[in-house]
Protein backbone atom coordinates (compact mmCIF):
# COMPACT_ATOMS: atom_id res chain seq x y z
CA UNK A 1 16.11 15.02 -21.14
CA UNK A 2 14.50 12.26 -23.41
CA UNK A 3 11.32 11.03 -23.51
CA UNK A 4 12.20 8.12 -20.60
CA UNK A 5 13.20 10.83 -18.11
CA UNK A 6 10.72 12.75 -18.56
CA UNK A 7 8.39 9.85 -18.04
CA UNK A 8 9.78 9.41 -14.36
CA UNK A 9 9.58 13.03 -13.34
CA UNK A 10 6.41 12.99 -14.24
CA UNK A 11 5.87 9.48 -12.39
CA UNK A 12 7.52 11.02 -9.30
CA UNK A 13 5.55 14.16 -9.04
CA UNK A 14 2.54 12.00 -8.36
CA UNK A 15 4.40 10.38 -6.02
CA UNK A 16 3.30 11.04 -2.92
CA UNK A 17 7.55 11.70 -1.88
CA UNK A 18 7.40 15.34 -4.52
CA UNK A 19 3.98 16.03 -3.08
CA UNK A 20 4.63 20.44 -3.05
CA UNK A 21 7.95 20.12 -4.24
CA UNK A 22 9.01 21.87 -8.06
CA UNK A 23 9.63 19.83 -10.87
CA UNK A 24 12.75 21.87 -10.90
CA UNK A 25 13.90 19.87 -7.53
CA UNK A 26 12.34 16.56 -9.00
CA UNK A 27 14.38 16.76 -11.84
CA UNK A 28 17.73 17.04 -10.29
CA UNK A 29 16.94 14.11 -7.99
CA UNK A 30 15.02 11.72 -10.40
CA UNK A 31 18.73 9.79 -11.11
CA UNK A 32 18.76 8.57 -7.88
CA UNK A 33 15.20 6.23 -8.84
CA UNK A 34 15.73 2.82 -10.85
CA UNK A 35 12.16 1.05 -11.75
CA UNK A 36 11.48 -2.90 -11.91
CA UNK A 37 8.68 -4.64 -12.38
CA UNK A 38 8.00 -7.81 -10.48
CA UNK A 39 5.05 -10.80 -11.17
CA UNK A 40 1.67 -11.32 -9.50
CA UNK A 41 2.24 -13.11 -6.34
CA UNK A 42 6.24 -12.21 -6.46
CA UNK A 43 7.91 -11.35 -2.93
CA UNK A 44 9.21 -7.60 -3.10
CA UNK A 45 11.10 -7.93 0.10
CA UNK A 46 10.62 -10.61 3.14
CA UNK A 47 11.11 -10.19 6.53
CA UNK A 48 15.03 -9.99 7.82
CA UNK A 49 15.53 -8.96 4.35
CA UNK A 50 18.89 -6.36 4.77
CA UNK A 51 18.39 -4.23 1.78
CA UNK A 52 17.93 -0.99 2.97
CA UNK A 53 15.43 0.63 -0.45
CA UNK A 54 12.77 2.58 -0.60
CA UNK A 55 10.03 1.74 -2.60
CA UNK A 56 7.37 3.74 -4.49
CA UNK A 57 4.38 2.27 -6.74
CA UNK A 58 3.58 3.14 -9.94
CA UNK A 59 1.74 0.43 -10.88
CA UNK A 60 -0.22 -1.92 -9.86
CA UNK A 61 -0.63 -2.88 -5.81
CA UNK A 62 1.66 -4.14 -2.84
CA UNK A 63 0.03 -6.13 0.18
CA UNK A 64 2.23 -5.72 3.74
CA UNK A 65 2.88 -7.82 6.40
CA UNK A 66 3.91 -9.83 9.32
CA UNK A 67 4.23 -13.01 10.40
CA UNK A 68 3.28 -13.73 14.30
CA UNK A 69 4.93 -15.85 16.30
CA UNK A 70 2.28 -19.10 15.78
CA UNK A 71 2.46 -18.62 11.97
CA UNK A 72 0.16 -16.21 11.48
CA UNK A 73 0.30 -13.89 8.29
CA UNK A 74 -2.05 -10.27 9.39
CA UNK A 75 -1.41 -7.78 6.78
CA UNK A 76 -0.52 -4.13 7.67
CA UNK A 77 -1.49 -2.60 4.63
CA UNK A 78 -1.80 -2.39 0.66
CA UNK A 79 -0.38 -0.12 -1.30
CA UNK A 80 -1.81 0.87 -4.47
CA UNK A 81 -0.51 3.55 -7.45
CA UNK A 82 1.71 6.28 -6.06
CA UNK A 83 2.30 4.60 -2.39
CA UNK A 84 5.43 4.47 -0.64
CA UNK A 85 6.35 1.57 1.44
CA UNK A 86 9.57 0.40 2.92
CA UNK A 87 10.93 4.15 4.94
CA UNK A 88 11.63 2.67 7.59
CA UNK A 89 14.88 1.75 6.10
CA UNK A 90 16.36 5.17 6.11
CA UNK A 91 16.00 6.10 9.47
CA UNK A 92 17.39 1.98 10.74
CA UNK A 93 19.91 -0.46 8.97
CA UNK A 94 17.66 -2.77 10.74
CA UNK A 95 16.41 -6.10 9.44
CA UNK A 96 12.38 -5.29 8.14
CA UNK A 97 10.25 -7.28 10.11
CA UNK A 98 7.24 -7.21 7.49
CA UNK A 99 7.26 -8.42 3.78
CA UNK A 100 5.42 -7.09 0.50
CA UNK A 101 3.61 -9.14 -1.99
CA UNK A 102 2.90 -8.38 -5.77
CA UNK A 103 -0.58 -8.69 -5.76
CA UNK A 104 -0.68 -7.39 -9.53
CA UNK A 105 1.66 -6.90 -12.15
CA UNK A 106 3.30 -4.00 -10.38
CA UNK A 107 5.90 -1.42 -11.15
CA UNK A 108 7.91 0.19 -9.09
CA UNK A 109 9.95 2.86 -8.30
CA UNK A 110 13.16 2.08 -5.90
CA UNK A 111 15.93 4.03 -4.21
CA UNK A 112 18.68 3.43 -2.00
CA UNK A 113 18.00 4.25 2.01
CA UNK A 114 21.38 6.01 1.74
CA UNK A 115 20.57 7.71 -0.68
CA UNK A 116 16.80 8.82 0.12
CA UNK A 117 18.14 9.97 3.47
CA UNK A 118 20.50 12.59 1.64
CA UNK A 119 17.25 14.06 -0.39
CA UNK A 120 15.59 14.39 3.08
CA UNK A 121 18.44 16.60 4.38
CA UNK A 122 18.70 18.27 1.45
CA UNK A 123 15.04 19.13 0.60
CA UNK A 124 13.01 19.53 3.65
CA UNK A 125 9.42 19.35 1.34
CA UNK A 126 9.96 15.64 1.07
CA UNK A 127 10.95 15.24 4.33
CA UNK A 128 8.14 16.83 5.72
CA UNK A 129 6.01 14.36 2.89
CA UNK A 130 7.11 11.32 4.35
CA UNK A 131 6.93 12.02 7.43
CA UNK A 132 2.84 12.35 6.97
CA UNK A 133 3.16 9.28 5.35
CA UNK A 134 4.99 7.46 8.48
CA UNK A 135 1.94 9.31 11.12
CA UNK A 136 -0.71 7.98 8.58
CA UNK A 137 -0.19 4.65 8.44
CA UNK A 138 0.11 4.49 12.25
CA UNK A 139 -3.23 6.06 12.23
CA UNK A 140 -4.16 3.33 10.08
CA UNK A 141 -2.63 0.94 12.42
CA UNK A 142 -4.03 2.18 15.68
CA UNK A 143 -7.72 2.02 13.30
CA UNK A 144 -6.82 -1.55 12.96
CA UNK A 145 -6.00 -1.97 16.40
CA UNK A 146 -9.25 -0.58 17.59
CA UNK A 147 -11.75 -3.14 14.61
CA UNK A 148 -10.19 -5.84 15.98
CA UNK A 149 -10.31 -5.54 19.64
CA UNK A 150 -13.74 -4.10 19.26
CA UNK A 151 -15.34 -4.61 16.31
CA UNK A 152 -17.09 -7.41 14.72
CA UNK A 153 -16.16 -9.47 11.47
CA UNK A 154 -19.05 -7.78 9.28
CA UNK A 155 -18.33 -4.08 10.73
CA UNK A 156 -14.57 -4.91 10.74
CA UNK A 157 -14.93 -5.24 6.74
CA UNK A 158 -17.34 -3.02 5.88
CA UNK A 159 -14.24 -0.62 7.55
CA UNK A 160 -11.86 -2.95 5.57
CA UNK A 161 -13.93 -1.52 1.86
CA UNK A 162 -14.43 2.27 2.78
CA UNK A 163 -11.22 2.26 3.64
CA UNK A 164 -10.13 0.54 0.71
CA UNK A 165 -12.98 2.50 -1.57
CA UNK A 166 -11.17 6.10 -0.45
CA UNK A 167 -7.33 4.71 -1.53
CA UNK A 168 -8.77 1.93 -3.78
CA UNK A 169 -11.43 2.44 -5.35
CA UNK A 170 -12.84 4.34 -8.45
CA UNK A 171 -16.30 6.11 -9.03
CA UNK A 172 -19.41 3.76 -11.33
CA UNK A 173 -22.66 3.81 -11.68
CA UNK A 174 -24.24 3.09 -7.85
CA UNK A 175 -20.64 2.93 -5.47
CA UNK A 176 -17.07 2.99 -5.61
CA UNK A 177 -15.31 0.50 -7.17
CA UNK A 178 -12.16 -1.60 -5.94
CA UNK A 179 -9.73 -1.82 -8.08
CA UNK A 180 -7.23 -4.02 -6.86
CA UNK A 181 -7.81 -7.16 -5.89
CA UNK A 182 -7.82 -9.38 -2.76
CA UNK A 183 -8.55 -12.99 -2.46
CA UNK A 184 -10.51 -13.86 0.73
CA UNK A 185 -7.81 -14.94 2.36
CA UNK A 186 -5.70 -11.58 1.83
CA UNK A 187 -9.24 -10.51 3.33
CA UNK A 188 -9.03 -12.31 6.43
CA UNK A 189 -5.75 -11.18 7.33
CA UNK A 190 -7.01 -7.63 7.15
CA UNK A 191 -9.40 -8.84 9.65
CA UNK A 192 -7.95 -10.75 11.71
CA UNK A 193 -10.15 -14.40 10.34
CA UNK A 194 -10.23 -17.27 8.56
CA UNK A 195 -10.72 -17.63 4.66
CA UNK A 196 -13.92 -19.67 5.99
CA UNK A 197 -15.62 -17.43 8.19
CA UNK A 198 -15.07 -14.10 5.44
CA UNK A 199 -16.53 -16.38 2.57
CA UNK A 200 -19.66 -16.61 4.91
CA UNK A 201 -19.70 -12.85 5.94
CA UNK A 202 -19.29 -10.96 3.16
CA UNK A 203 -22.17 -13.29 1.29
CA UNK A 204 -23.69 -12.05 4.02
CA UNK A 205 -22.76 -8.48 3.71
CA UNK A 206 -24.06 -9.30 -0.12
CA UNK A 207 -27.43 -10.09 0.49
CA UNK A 208 -28.00 -7.73 3.01
CA UNK A 209 -26.62 -4.90 0.06
CA UNK A 210 -23.89 -3.57 2.38
CA UNK A 211 -21.43 -4.19 -0.36
CA UNK A 212 -22.21 -5.41 -4.30
CA UNK A 213 -19.82 -8.35 -6.42
CA UNK A 214 -19.33 -7.63 -9.72
CA UNK A 215 -17.58 -10.97 -10.98
CA UNK A 216 -14.37 -11.22 -8.76
CA UNK A 217 -14.44 -6.49 -7.98
CA UNK A 218 -16.47 -5.03 -4.90
CA UNK A 219 -18.01 -1.92 -4.89
CA UNK A 220 -19.24 -0.20 -1.61
CA UNK A 221 -22.78 1.48 -2.25
CA UNK A 222 -22.53 5.06 -1.97
């Protein structure tokens, strides 16, 4: 293998799709994947996009969202390095119901859904990994719905940052720093509020010491 193939195999091994899959099986299937860079704020795909492609985040972050009937954006998930998305196209040829936007300059691995379906048929461990991803996303969605229905905005924001700290955090003195850049508008779409209200509530949480801000990043205190 040349260096580019070695790098691709190494990356694929870091992705949840190939978790616990033998190196030889990863190497055998690396040709299914191509890489593409998406600039910050560019669309990876739109709602109703007919293309059937599965994506994995190699570098950067991606926001998955949908539009409500009244035109309001609701963020479904914020994904970072190693995450898989677009997997619904493996099992359905219907147009997408979400859109995906790069939050940073983002490098993605991509594969055709038909190729991925064949891979799942030949590799039961890969199929199990995809099932785990879809199951966990459903649990996260249920948690978000419960927050929107029952929790006050302050608690929704704290719960959100706790989840982001687990998925996209790095340890720093006194807490965990969120490594992805989210605007107040992004946060509002994640917690079902408005940008102005989120800005006011964040300021209150920072004053109360429940969150800390350092430059453009947020820190969840330990």
